[in-house]
Amino acid sequence: MMKVKLLLQFRGWGCVGPSPFSLLHAFTSRVGLSTATDHFTDKGKDSDRVFADYCVYKGKASLSMYPVLPKVSRLDSGGLKVDCRGVMMLTFSPAIGEQKCDWEKKQFFALSSVEMGSLTSLGPGGGCEFFHDPSMKTSNTGQVRKILSVKPVEGGSYFLSLSVVNNKLQTNDHLTVPITAAEFAVMKTACTIF
């Protein structure tokens, strides 16, 4: 596990361009890491920890995952108050060519800490599904529905599928990214060290 943690915190590779990972998946996917440095505490940058995006490029879509740290504010007493909880952001983008994605049509799904727990506790052959309504508790409830499903495949691999139904724009997007057992292990580890 320590090797994976060090790999996630390595500062030299970017999501754009070839990486040592692309040699492993030369014909089916491209994987890379980029260093994310714009994470802040209540005052200034948090220089203690560096979080890296994890990107997986496949034939029909790509998936990137990165932590969004909680927003905190300092109280008069000197303590800290959590204003907005942190999430693990998943970004799905459809492919428009070989190793090219349509970033204009990207879709987001924010995993809460409980959802990350469900993901990390999956056993071999286990799957799960999460439902989000971004406008819940507003007058626009039900206008946009997002469903993330994690389905097992033989050999320890998974299909991560995001379905987004937007009744306002009359769109129905469905993006699926096949994830190998090794890629899923990295994703689970990223959720546990966040």
N, C-alpha and C. Protein backbone atom coordinates (compact mmCIF):
# COMPACT_ATOMS: atom_id res chain seq x y z
N MET A 1 0.81 -1.20 0.00
CA MET A 1 0.00 0.00 0.00
C MET A 1 0.85 1.27 0.00
N MET A 2 1.99 1.21 0.67
CA MET A 2 2.84 2.40 0.75
C MET A 2 3.34 2.80 -0.63
N LYS A 3 3.64 1.78 -1.49
CA LYS A 3 4.11 2.08 -2.83
C LYS A 3 3.04 2.81 -3.63
N VAL A 4 1.77 2.38 -3.49
CA VAL A 4 0.69 3.04 -4.20
C VAL A 4 0.52 4.46 -3.70
N LYS A 5 0.64 4.66 -2.39
CA LYS A 5 0.51 6.01 -1.82
C LYS A 5 1.62 6.91 -2.36
N LEU A 6 2.83 6.40 -2.42
CA LEU A 6 3.93 7.19 -2.96
C LEU A 6 3.71 7.48 -4.44
N LEU A 7 3.16 6.49 -5.15
CA LEU A 7 2.88 6.68 -6.56
C LEU A 7 1.85 7.78 -6.77
N LEU A 8 0.83 7.82 -5.92
CA LEU A 8 -0.20 8.85 -6.04
C LEU A 8 0.34 10.22 -5.72
N GLN A 9 1.37 10.30 -4.90
CA GLN A 9 1.90 11.59 -4.53
C GLN A 9 3.11 12.00 -5.37
N PHE A 10 3.49 11.17 -6.34
CA PHE A 10 4.63 11.47 -7.20
C PHE A 10 4.33 12.70 -8.04
N ARG A 11 5.27 13.60 -8.18
CA ARG A 11 5.00 14.89 -8.82
C ARG A 11 5.40 14.96 -10.29
N GLY A 12 5.94 13.92 -10.89
CA GLY A 12 6.52 14.07 -12.21
C GLY A 12 5.65 13.77 -13.40
N TRP A 13 4.48 13.10 -13.28
CA TRP A 13 3.72 12.68 -14.44
C TRP A 13 2.47 13.51 -14.58
N GLY A 14 2.03 13.70 -15.80
CA GLY A 14 0.79 14.45 -16.06
C GLY A 14 -0.21 13.60 -16.80
N CYS A 15 -1.47 13.99 -16.74
CA CYS A 15 -2.53 13.26 -17.44
C CYS A 15 -2.40 13.42 -18.95
N VAL A 16 -1.74 14.46 -19.41
CA VAL A 16 -1.59 14.68 -20.83
C VAL A 16 -0.23 14.17 -21.25
N GLY A 17 -0.21 13.43 -22.34
CA GLY A 17 1.06 12.91 -22.85
C GLY A 17 1.32 11.50 -22.36
N PRO A 18 2.28 10.84 -22.96
CA PRO A 18 2.56 9.45 -22.59
C PRO A 18 3.18 9.36 -21.20
N SER A 19 2.89 8.27 -20.55
CA SER A 19 3.46 8.00 -19.25
C SER A 19 3.90 6.54 -19.22
N PRO A 20 4.63 6.14 -18.19
CA PRO A 20 5.01 4.73 -18.10
C PRO A 20 3.80 3.80 -18.07
N PHE A 21 2.66 4.31 -17.57
CA PHE A 21 1.46 3.49 -17.53
C PHE A 21 0.93 3.19 -18.92
N SER A 22 1.12 4.11 -19.86
CA SER A 22 0.57 3.91 -21.19
C SER A 22 1.24 2.72 -21.88
N LEU A 23 2.44 2.39 -21.48
CA LEU A 23 3.09 1.22 -22.04
C LEU A 23 2.40 -0.06 -21.62
N LEU A 24 1.81 -0.06 -20.42
CA LEU A 24 1.10 -1.23 -19.92
C LEU A 24 -0.22 -1.44 -20.65
N HIS A 25 -0.83 -0.35 -21.08
CA HIS A 25 -2.14 -0.43 -21.71
C HIS A 25 -2.08 0.19 -23.11
N ALA A 26 -1.08 -0.16 -23.87
CA ALA A 26 -0.81 0.51 -25.14
C ALA A 26 -1.99 0.47 -26.11
N PHE A 27 -2.74 -0.61 -26.13
CA PHE A 27 -3.79 -0.73 -27.12
C PHE A 27 -5.18 -0.47 -26.57
N THR A 28 -5.37 -0.50 -25.27
CA THR A 28 -6.73 -0.36 -24.74
C THR A 28 -6.93 0.86 -23.88
N SER A 29 -5.89 1.39 -23.26
CA SER A 29 -6.12 2.52 -22.38
C SER A 29 -4.84 3.29 -22.14
N ARG A 30 -5.00 4.46 -21.54
CA ARG A 30 -3.86 5.26 -21.11
C ARG A 30 -4.17 5.78 -19.73
N VAL A 31 -3.21 5.65 -18.85
CA VAL A 31 -3.39 6.05 -17.46
C VAL A 31 -2.29 7.03 -17.11
N GLY A 32 -2.60 8.01 -16.30
CA GLY A 32 -1.58 8.95 -15.88
C GLY A 32 -1.96 9.66 -14.61
N LEU A 33 -1.03 10.36 -14.05
CA LEU A 33 -1.25 11.11 -12.82
C LEU A 33 -0.82 12.55 -13.04
N SER A 34 -1.52 13.47 -12.41
CA SER A 34 -1.07 14.86 -12.42
C SER A 34 -1.14 15.40 -11.01
N THR A 35 -0.28 16.32 -10.71
CA THR A 35 -0.23 16.87 -9.37
C THR A 35 -1.23 18.00 -9.25
N ALA A 36 -2.07 17.92 -8.23
CA ALA A 36 -3.04 18.98 -7.96
C ALA A 36 -2.50 19.81 -6.81
N THR A 37 -2.33 21.11 -7.02
CA THR A 37 -1.73 21.94 -5.98
C THR A 37 -2.63 23.05 -5.48
N ASP A 38 -3.82 23.22 -6.05
CA ASP A 38 -4.67 24.33 -5.64
C ASP A 38 -5.67 23.92 -4.57
N HIS A 39 -5.22 23.32 -3.52
CA HIS A 39 -6.07 22.96 -2.39
C HIS A 39 -5.69 23.89 -1.25
N PHE A 40 -6.67 24.49 -0.62
CA PHE A 40 -6.41 25.50 0.38
C PHE A 40 -7.01 25.13 1.73
N THR A 41 -6.40 25.64 2.79
CA THR A 41 -6.99 25.58 4.12
C THR A 41 -7.75 26.88 4.31
N ASP A 42 -8.08 27.23 5.53
CA ASP A 42 -8.85 28.46 5.72
C ASP A 42 -8.05 29.70 5.37
N LYS A 43 -6.73 29.65 5.50
CA LYS A 43 -5.88 30.79 5.13
C LYS A 43 -4.63 30.28 4.43
N GLY A 44 -4.59 30.46 3.13
CA GLY A 44 -3.39 30.08 2.39
C GLY A 44 -3.41 28.65 1.90
N LYS A 45 -2.33 28.27 1.24
CA LYS A 45 -2.23 26.93 0.66
C LYS A 45 -1.85 25.90 1.72
N ASP A 46 -2.32 24.70 1.50
CA ASP A 46 -1.98 23.58 2.36
C ASP A 46 -0.77 22.90 1.75
N SER A 47 0.40 23.18 2.28
CA SER A 47 1.62 22.64 1.69
C SER A 47 2.02 21.30 2.28
N ASP A 48 1.28 20.82 3.28
CA ASP A 48 1.64 19.56 3.93
C ASP A 48 1.33 18.35 3.04
N ARG A 49 0.24 18.39 2.30
CA ARG A 49 -0.15 17.24 1.50
C ARG A 49 -0.38 17.65 0.06
N VAL A 50 -0.01 16.77 -0.85
CA VAL A 50 -0.24 16.98 -2.27
C VAL A 50 -1.12 15.84 -2.76
N PHE A 51 -2.20 16.17 -3.45
CA PHE A 51 -3.11 15.16 -3.98
C PHE A 51 -2.98 15.14 -5.50
N ALA A 52 -2.98 13.94 -6.06
CA ALA A 52 -2.81 13.79 -7.50
C ALA A 52 -4.10 13.31 -8.13
N ASP A 53 -4.41 13.84 -9.31
CA ASP A 53 -5.53 13.33 -10.09
C ASP A 53 -5.14 11.94 -10.59
N TYR A 54 -6.14 11.08 -10.73
CA TYR A 54 -5.90 9.76 -11.31
C TYR A 54 -6.77 9.67 -12.56
N CYS A 55 -6.16 9.45 -13.70
CA CYS A 55 -6.87 9.46 -14.98
C CYS A 55 -6.75 8.10 -15.66
N VAL A 56 -7.87 7.65 -16.23
CA VAL A 56 -7.90 6.40 -16.99
C VAL A 56 -8.54 6.72 -18.33
N TYR A 57 -7.82 6.48 -19.41
CA TYR A 57 -8.34 6.73 -20.76
C TYR A 57 -8.61 5.39 -21.42
N LYS A 58 -9.83 5.18 -21.88
CA LYS A 58 -10.21 3.95 -22.57
C LYS A 58 -10.74 4.31 -23.94
N GLY A 59 -11.15 3.31 -24.72
CA GLY A 59 -11.56 3.53 -26.09
C GLY A 59 -12.77 4.42 -26.27
N LYS A 60 -13.80 4.30 -25.41
CA LYS A 60 -15.03 5.05 -25.61
C LYS A 60 -15.20 6.21 -24.65
N ALA A 61 -14.44 6.23 -23.57
CA ALA A 61 -14.58 7.31 -22.58
C ALA A 61 -13.35 7.34 -21.68
N SER A 62 -13.24 8.43 -20.92
CA SER A 62 -12.17 8.55 -19.94
C SER A 62 -12.78 8.84 -18.58
N LEU A 63 -12.01 8.55 -17.56
CA LEU A 63 -12.44 8.79 -16.19
C LEU A 63 -11.27 9.42 -15.45
N SER A 64 -11.53 10.51 -14.76
CA SER A 64 -10.51 11.07 -13.87
C SER A 64 -11.14 11.22 -12.50
N MET A 65 -10.29 11.15 -11.50
CA MET A 65 -10.77 11.20 -10.13
C MET A 65 -9.81 12.06 -9.34
N TYR A 66 -10.36 12.97 -8.55
CA TYR A 66 -9.52 13.85 -7.75
C TYR A 66 -10.30 14.29 -6.51
N PRO A 67 -9.57 14.52 -5.42
CA PRO A 67 -10.26 14.96 -4.20
C PRO A 67 -10.57 16.45 -4.24
N VAL A 68 -11.72 16.79 -3.71
CA VAL A 68 -12.09 18.18 -3.47
C VAL A 68 -12.13 18.31 -1.95
N LEU A 69 -11.16 19.04 -1.43
CA LEU A 69 -11.02 19.13 0.02
C LEU A 69 -12.15 19.93 0.64
N PRO A 70 -12.44 19.66 1.91
CA PRO A 70 -13.51 20.42 2.57
C PRO A 70 -13.12 21.89 2.73
N LYS A 71 -14.12 22.73 2.75
CA LYS A 71 -13.89 24.16 2.99
C LYS A 71 -14.14 24.41 4.47
N VAL A 72 -13.18 25.07 5.10
CA VAL A 72 -13.27 25.34 6.53
C VAL A 72 -13.11 26.83 6.78
N SER A 73 -13.64 27.27 7.90
CA SER A 73 -13.45 28.65 8.31
C SER A 73 -13.03 28.65 9.78
N ARG A 74 -12.28 29.67 10.14
CA ARG A 74 -11.77 29.79 11.50
C ARG A 74 -12.81 30.52 12.36
N LEU A 75 -13.08 29.95 13.53
CA LEU A 75 -14.00 30.55 14.49
C LEU A 75 -13.26 31.57 15.35
N ASP A 76 -14.01 32.45 16.00
CA ASP A 76 -13.40 33.44 16.90
C ASP A 76 -12.62 32.78 18.02
N SER A 77 -13.06 31.59 18.41
CA SER A 77 -12.39 30.87 19.50
C SER A 77 -11.05 30.26 19.06
N GLY A 78 -10.78 30.29 17.74
CA GLY A 78 -9.53 29.72 17.24
C GLY A 78 -9.71 28.36 16.60
N GLY A 79 -10.86 27.73 16.81
CA GLY A 79 -11.13 26.43 16.22
C GLY A 79 -11.52 26.56 14.75
N LEU A 80 -11.70 25.43 14.10
CA LEU A 80 -12.10 25.41 12.70
C LEU A 80 -13.49 24.82 12.58
N LYS A 81 -14.28 25.35 11.64
CA LYS A 81 -15.63 24.87 11.38
C LYS A 81 -15.69 24.43 9.92
N VAL A 82 -16.26 23.25 9.66
CA VAL A 82 -16.40 22.74 8.30
C VAL A 82 -17.61 23.40 7.67
N ASP A 83 -17.38 24.17 6.60
CA ASP A 83 -18.46 24.83 5.88
C ASP A 83 -19.02 23.95 4.77
N CYS A 84 -18.15 23.20 4.13
CA CYS A 84 -18.55 22.32 3.02
C CYS A 84 -17.70 21.06 3.10
N ARG A 85 -18.35 19.91 3.15
CA ARG A 85 -17.62 18.64 3.26
C ARG A 85 -16.85 18.33 1.98
N GLY A 86 -15.77 17.61 2.13
CA GLY A 86 -14.98 17.20 0.97
C GLY A 86 -15.62 16.04 0.24
N VAL A 87 -15.28 15.89 -1.04
CA VAL A 87 -15.79 14.80 -1.86
C VAL A 87 -14.67 14.27 -2.75
N MET A 88 -14.89 13.12 -3.33
CA MET A 88 -14.01 12.59 -4.36
C MET A 88 -14.75 12.79 -5.68
N MET A 89 -14.22 13.66 -6.53
CA MET A 89 -14.90 14.02 -7.78
C MET A 89 -14.49 13.07 -8.89
N LEU A 90 -15.48 12.48 -9.53
CA LEU A 90 -15.26 11.64 -10.70
C LEU A 90 -15.71 12.44 -11.92
N THR A 91 -14.88 12.47 -12.96
CA THR A 91 -15.20 13.17 -14.19
C THR A 91 -15.16 12.17 -15.35
N PHE A 92 -16.28 12.02 -16.03
CA PHE A 92 -16.37 11.14 -17.19
C PHE A 92 -16.42 12.00 -18.45
N SER A 93 -15.66 11.63 -19.47
CA SER A 93 -15.68 12.36 -20.74
C SER A 93 -15.75 11.36 -21.89
N PRO A 94 -16.61 11.60 -22.88
CA PRO A 94 -16.69 10.68 -24.03
C PRO A 94 -15.47 10.85 -24.94
N ALA A 95 -15.06 9.76 -25.55
CA ALA A 95 -13.94 9.82 -26.50
C ALA A 95 -14.44 10.28 -27.86
N ILE A 96 -13.61 11.06 -28.55
CA ILE A 96 -13.94 11.51 -29.91
C ILE A 96 -12.89 11.04 -30.92
N GLY A 97 -11.93 10.29 -30.46
CA GLY A 97 -10.87 9.77 -31.31
C GLY A 97 -9.89 9.02 -30.44
N GLU A 98 -8.83 8.56 -31.07
CA GLU A 98 -7.83 7.81 -30.32
C GLU A 98 -7.13 8.73 -29.33
N GLN A 99 -7.29 8.45 -28.06
CA GLN A 99 -6.71 9.20 -26.95
C GLN A 99 -7.11 10.68 -26.98
N LYS A 100 -8.33 10.96 -27.45
CA LYS A 100 -8.88 12.32 -27.44
C LYS A 100 -10.27 12.27 -26.83
N CYS A 101 -10.55 13.24 -25.98
CA CYS A 101 -11.84 13.29 -25.31
C CYS A 101 -12.56 14.59 -25.62
N ASP A 102 -13.88 14.55 -25.59
CA ASP A 102 -14.70 15.73 -25.77
C ASP A 102 -14.95 16.35 -24.40
N TRP A 103 -14.09 17.28 -24.00
CA TRP A 103 -14.16 17.87 -22.66
C TRP A 103 -15.38 18.76 -22.50
N GLU A 104 -16.01 19.16 -23.61
CA GLU A 104 -17.23 19.97 -23.52
C GLU A 104 -18.41 19.15 -23.01
N LYS A 105 -18.36 17.84 -23.19
CA LYS A 105 -19.47 16.97 -22.78
C LYS A 105 -19.14 16.17 -21.52
N LYS A 106 -18.19 16.63 -20.74
CA LYS A 106 -17.83 15.90 -19.53
C LYS A 106 -18.96 15.96 -18.50
N GLN A 107 -19.04 14.91 -17.70
CA GLN A 107 -20.05 14.80 -16.66
C GLN A 107 -19.34 14.54 -15.33
N PHE A 108 -19.87 15.13 -14.27
CA PHE A 108 -19.27 15.02 -12.94
C PHE A 108 -20.15 14.20 -12.02
N PHE A 109 -19.50 13.51 -11.09
CA PHE A 109 -20.20 12.78 -10.04
C PHE A 109 -19.34 12.89 -8.78
N ALA A 110 -19.88 13.48 -7.72
CA ALA A 110 -19.13 13.70 -6.48
C ALA A 110 -19.47 12.60 -5.48
N LEU A 111 -18.48 11.79 -5.13
CA LEU A 111 -18.66 10.73 -4.14
C LEU A 111 -18.50 11.29 -2.73
N SER A 112 -19.50 11.07 -1.89
CA SER A 112 -19.41 11.48 -0.49
C SER A 112 -18.52 10.50 0.27
N SER A 113 -18.25 10.80 1.51
CA SER A 113 -17.40 9.90 2.31
C SER A 113 -18.08 8.55 2.51
N VAL A 114 -19.39 8.52 2.67
CA VAL A 114 -20.11 7.25 2.84
C VAL A 114 -20.06 6.45 1.54
N GLU A 115 -20.22 7.13 0.41
CA GLU A 115 -20.14 6.44 -0.88
C GLU A 115 -18.72 5.92 -1.13
N MET A 116 -17.70 6.69 -0.73
CA MET A 116 -16.33 6.19 -0.86
C MET A 116 -16.14 4.95 0.01
N GLY A 117 -16.76 4.93 1.19
CA GLY A 117 -16.70 3.76 2.05
C GLY A 117 -17.34 2.55 1.40
N SER A 118 -18.46 2.75 0.74
CA SER A 118 -19.12 1.65 0.01
C SER A 118 -18.23 1.13 -1.10
N LEU A 119 -17.57 2.04 -1.79
CA LEU A 119 -16.68 1.67 -2.89
C LEU A 119 -15.46 0.89 -2.38
N THR A 120 -14.85 1.37 -1.31
CA THR A 120 -13.64 0.72 -0.80
C THR A 120 -13.93 -0.61 -0.12
N SER A 121 -15.16 -0.81 0.34
CA SER A 121 -15.48 -2.06 1.03
C SER A 121 -16.00 -3.15 0.08
N LEU A 122 -16.03 -2.86 -1.22
CA LEU A 122 -16.48 -3.88 -2.17
C LEU A 122 -15.56 -5.08 -2.14
N GLY A 123 -16.15 -6.24 -2.01
CA GLY A 123 -15.37 -7.47 -2.07
C GLY A 123 -15.27 -7.94 -3.51
N PRO A 124 -14.55 -9.03 -3.74
CA PRO A 124 -14.44 -9.56 -5.10
C PRO A 124 -15.83 -9.91 -5.65
N GLY A 125 -16.13 -9.41 -6.81
CA GLY A 125 -17.41 -9.69 -7.44
C GLY A 125 -18.55 -8.83 -6.93
N GLY A 126 -18.27 -7.88 -6.03
CA GLY A 126 -19.32 -7.01 -5.51
C GLY A 126 -19.50 -5.79 -6.38
N GLY A 127 -20.71 -5.26 -6.36
CA GLY A 127 -21.00 -4.06 -7.12
C GLY A 127 -21.84 -3.12 -6.28
N CYS A 128 -22.04 -1.92 -6.78
CA CYS A 128 -22.88 -0.95 -6.06
C CYS A 128 -23.42 0.08 -7.05
N GLU A 129 -24.38 0.87 -6.57
CA GLU A 129 -24.99 1.89 -7.40
C GLU A 129 -25.33 3.09 -6.53
N PHE A 130 -25.08 4.29 -7.06
CA PHE A 130 -25.35 5.53 -6.33
C PHE A 130 -26.24 6.42 -7.18
N PHE A 131 -27.21 7.06 -6.54
CA PHE A 131 -28.14 7.95 -7.21
C PHE A 131 -27.97 9.36 -6.67
N HIS A 132 -27.86 10.35 -7.56
CA HIS A 132 -27.76 11.76 -7.16
C HIS A 132 -28.78 12.59 -7.92
N ASP A 133 -29.36 13.53 -7.22
CA ASP A 133 -30.19 14.57 -7.82
C ASP A 133 -29.56 15.89 -7.41
N PRO A 134 -28.77 16.54 -8.30
CA PRO A 134 -28.07 17.76 -7.92
C PRO A 134 -28.98 18.88 -7.43
N SER A 135 -30.25 18.85 -7.79
CA SER A 135 -31.17 19.92 -7.40
C SER A 135 -32.12 19.50 -6.28
N MET A 136 -31.75 18.45 -5.55
CA MET A 136 -32.61 17.96 -4.48
C MET A 136 -32.91 19.08 -3.48
N LYS A 137 -34.10 19.09 -2.98
CA LYS A 137 -34.59 20.07 -2.00
C LYS A 137 -34.71 21.47 -2.59
N THR A 138 -34.87 21.56 -3.91
CA THR A 138 -35.13 22.85 -4.57
C THR A 138 -36.36 22.66 -5.46
N SER A 139 -36.76 23.72 -6.11
CA SER A 139 -37.91 23.62 -7.02
C SER A 139 -37.58 22.83 -8.28
N ASN A 140 -36.31 22.60 -8.55
CA ASN A 140 -35.88 21.85 -9.74
C ASN A 140 -35.64 20.36 -9.47
N THR A 141 -36.13 19.85 -8.36
CA THR A 141 -35.94 18.44 -8.02
C THR A 141 -36.42 17.55 -9.15
N GLY A 142 -35.62 16.59 -9.53
CA GLY A 142 -35.98 15.64 -10.56
C GLY A 142 -35.62 16.07 -11.97
N GLN A 143 -35.15 17.29 -12.16
CA GLN A 143 -34.80 17.76 -13.49
C GLN A 143 -33.54 17.06 -14.02
N VAL A 144 -32.57 16.80 -13.13
CA VAL A 144 -31.34 16.11 -13.50
C VAL A 144 -31.18 14.92 -12.57
N ARG A 145 -30.99 13.75 -13.16
CA ARG A 145 -30.76 12.53 -12.38
C ARG A 145 -29.44 11.91 -12.81
N LYS A 146 -28.61 11.55 -11.83
CA LYS A 146 -27.33 10.91 -12.13
C LYS A 146 -27.27 9.57 -11.39
N ILE A 147 -26.87 8.54 -12.12
CA ILE A 147 -26.71 7.21 -11.52
C ILE A 147 -25.33 6.70 -11.88
N LEU A 148 -24.53 6.41 -10.85
CA LEU A 148 -23.22 5.80 -11.03
C LEU A 148 -23.34 4.35 -10.60
N SER A 149 -23.00 3.45 -11.51
CA SER A 149 -23.04 2.03 -11.16
C SER A 149 -21.66 1.41 -11.34
N VAL A 150 -21.31 0.57 -10.40
CA VAL A 150 -20.05 -0.17 -10.41
C VAL A 150 -20.42 -1.63 -10.51
N LYS A 151 -20.14 -2.25 -11.66
CA LYS A 151 -20.53 -3.63 -11.90
C LYS A 151 -19.29 -4.49 -12.11
N PRO A 152 -19.23 -5.63 -11.41
CA PRO A 152 -18.06 -6.51 -11.57
C PRO A 152 -18.08 -7.27 -12.89
N VAL A 153 -16.88 -7.57 -13.37
CA VAL A 153 -16.69 -8.38 -14.57
C VAL A 153 -15.72 -9.49 -14.17
N GLU A 154 -15.73 -10.57 -14.90
CA GLU A 154 -14.82 -11.66 -14.58
C GLU A 154 -13.37 -11.19 -14.55
N GLY A 155 -12.59 -11.78 -13.66
CA GLY A 155 -11.16 -11.45 -13.57
C GLY A 155 -10.87 -10.29 -12.65
N GLY A 156 -11.85 -9.85 -11.87
CA GLY A 156 -11.62 -8.77 -10.92
C GLY A 156 -11.76 -7.38 -11.51
N SER A 157 -12.14 -7.28 -12.78
CA SER A 157 -12.33 -5.98 -13.41
C SER A 157 -13.74 -5.45 -13.13
N TYR A 158 -13.96 -4.18 -13.48
CA TYR A 158 -15.26 -3.54 -13.24
C TYR A 158 -15.64 -2.67 -14.41
N PHE A 159 -16.93 -2.43 -14.55
CA PHE A 159 -17.46 -1.40 -15.43
C PHE A 159 -17.98 -0.28 -14.56
N LEU A 160 -17.46 0.93 -14.74
CA LEU A 160 -18.00 2.11 -14.08
C LEU A 160 -18.85 2.83 -15.11
N SER A 161 -20.14 2.96 -14.83
CA SER A 161 -21.07 3.58 -15.77
C SER A 161 -21.74 4.77 -15.11
N LEU A 162 -21.80 5.87 -15.83
CA LEU A 162 -22.51 7.05 -15.37
C LEU A 162 -23.62 7.35 -16.35
N SER A 163 -24.83 7.42 -15.82
CA SER A 163 -26.00 7.76 -16.62
C SER A 163 -26.54 9.09 -16.11
N VAL A 164 -26.67 10.06 -17.01
CA VAL A 164 -27.16 11.39 -16.65
C VAL A 164 -28.37 11.71 -17.52
N VAL A 165 -29.51 11.90 -16.87
CA VAL A 165 -30.73 12.28 -17.57
C VAL A 165 -31.04 13.72 -17.17
N ASN A 166 -31.04 14.60 -18.16
CA ASN A 166 -31.31 16.02 -17.93
C ASN A 166 -32.61 16.37 -18.65
N ASN A 167 -33.70 16.48 -17.89
CA ASN A 167 -35.01 16.79 -18.48
C ASN A 167 -35.10 18.23 -18.97
N LYS A 168 -34.31 19.12 -18.38
CA LYS A 168 -34.31 20.51 -18.82
C LYS A 168 -33.77 20.64 -20.24
N LEU A 169 -32.61 20.01 -20.49
CA LEU A 169 -31.96 20.09 -21.79
C LEU A 169 -32.37 18.98 -22.74
N GLN A 170 -33.23 18.07 -22.27
CA GLN A 170 -33.68 16.92 -23.05
C GLN A 170 -32.50 16.07 -23.52
N THR A 171 -31.57 15.78 -22.60
CA THR A 171 -30.41 14.94 -22.95
C THR A 171 -30.39 13.70 -22.06
N ASN A 172 -29.79 12.66 -22.60
CA ASN A 172 -29.63 11.41 -21.87
C ASN A 172 -28.24 10.89 -22.21
N ASP A 173 -27.27 11.08 -21.31
CA ASP A 173 -25.89 10.66 -21.54
C ASP A 173 -25.60 9.40 -20.75
N HIS A 174 -24.89 8.49 -21.39
CA HIS A 174 -24.48 7.25 -20.73
C HIS A 174 -23.02 7.00 -21.09
N LEU A 175 -22.14 7.03 -20.08
CA LEU A 175 -20.71 6.83 -20.29
C LEU A 175 -20.25 5.64 -19.47
N THR A 176 -19.52 4.72 -20.09
CA THR A 176 -19.02 3.53 -19.42
C THR A 176 -17.52 3.42 -19.64
N VAL A 177 -16.81 3.17 -18.54
CA VAL A 177 -15.37 3.00 -18.59
C VAL A 177 -15.02 1.65 -17.96
N PRO A 178 -14.41 0.73 -18.73
CA PRO A 178 -13.95 -0.52 -18.14
C PRO A 178 -12.69 -0.25 -17.30
N ILE A 179 -12.68 -0.78 -16.10
CA ILE A 179 -11.57 -0.57 -15.15
C ILE A 179 -10.97 -1.92 -14.81
N THR A 180 -9.66 -2.05 -14.98
CA THR A 180 -8.98 -3.30 -14.63
C THR A 180 -8.91 -3.43 -13.11
N ALA A 181 -8.57 -4.62 -12.64
CA ALA A 181 -8.45 -4.85 -11.20
C ALA A 181 -7.37 -3.95 -10.60
N ALA A 182 -6.27 -3.75 -11.31
CA ALA A 182 -5.18 -2.90 -10.80
C ALA A 182 -5.63 -1.44 -10.73
N GLU A 183 -6.33 -0.96 -11.76
CA GLU A 183 -6.83 0.42 -11.75
C GLU A 183 -7.84 0.63 -10.62
N PHE A 184 -8.69 -0.38 -10.40
CA PHE A 184 -9.68 -0.28 -9.32
C PHE A 184 -9.00 -0.27 -7.96
N ALA A 185 -7.91 -1.02 -7.82
CA ALA A 185 -7.16 -1.02 -6.57
C ALA A 185 -6.57 0.37 -6.28
N VAL A 186 -6.08 1.04 -7.33
CA VAL A 186 -5.54 2.40 -7.16
C VAL A 186 -6.66 3.35 -6.74
N MET A 187 -7.84 3.22 -7.37
CA MET A 187 -8.98 4.06 -7.03
C MET A 187 -9.40 3.86 -5.58
N LYS A 188 -9.45 2.60 -5.14
CA LYS A 188 -9.83 2.31 -3.76
C LYS A 188 -8.81 2.90 -2.79
N THR A 189 -7.54 2.78 -3.13
CA THR A 189 -6.48 3.33 -2.26
C THR A 189 -6.58 4.85 -2.20
N ALA A 190 -6.85 5.48 -3.33
CA ALA A 190 -7.00 6.95 -3.35
C ALA A 190 -8.14 7.38 -2.44
N CYS A 191 -9.21 6.60 -2.39
CA CYS A 191 -10.34 6.93 -1.52
C CYS A 191 -9.99 6.76 -0.04
N THR A 192 -9.08 5.85 0.26
CA THR A 192 -8.75 5.62 1.68
C THR A 192 -7.72 6.59 2.21
N ILE A 193 -6.89 7.20 1.35
CA ILE A 193 -5.88 8.13 1.86
C ILE A 193 -6.33 9.56 1.77
N PHE A 194 -7.51 9.81 1.23
CA PHE A 194 -8.04 11.17 1.09
C PHE A 194 -8.42 11.72 2.43
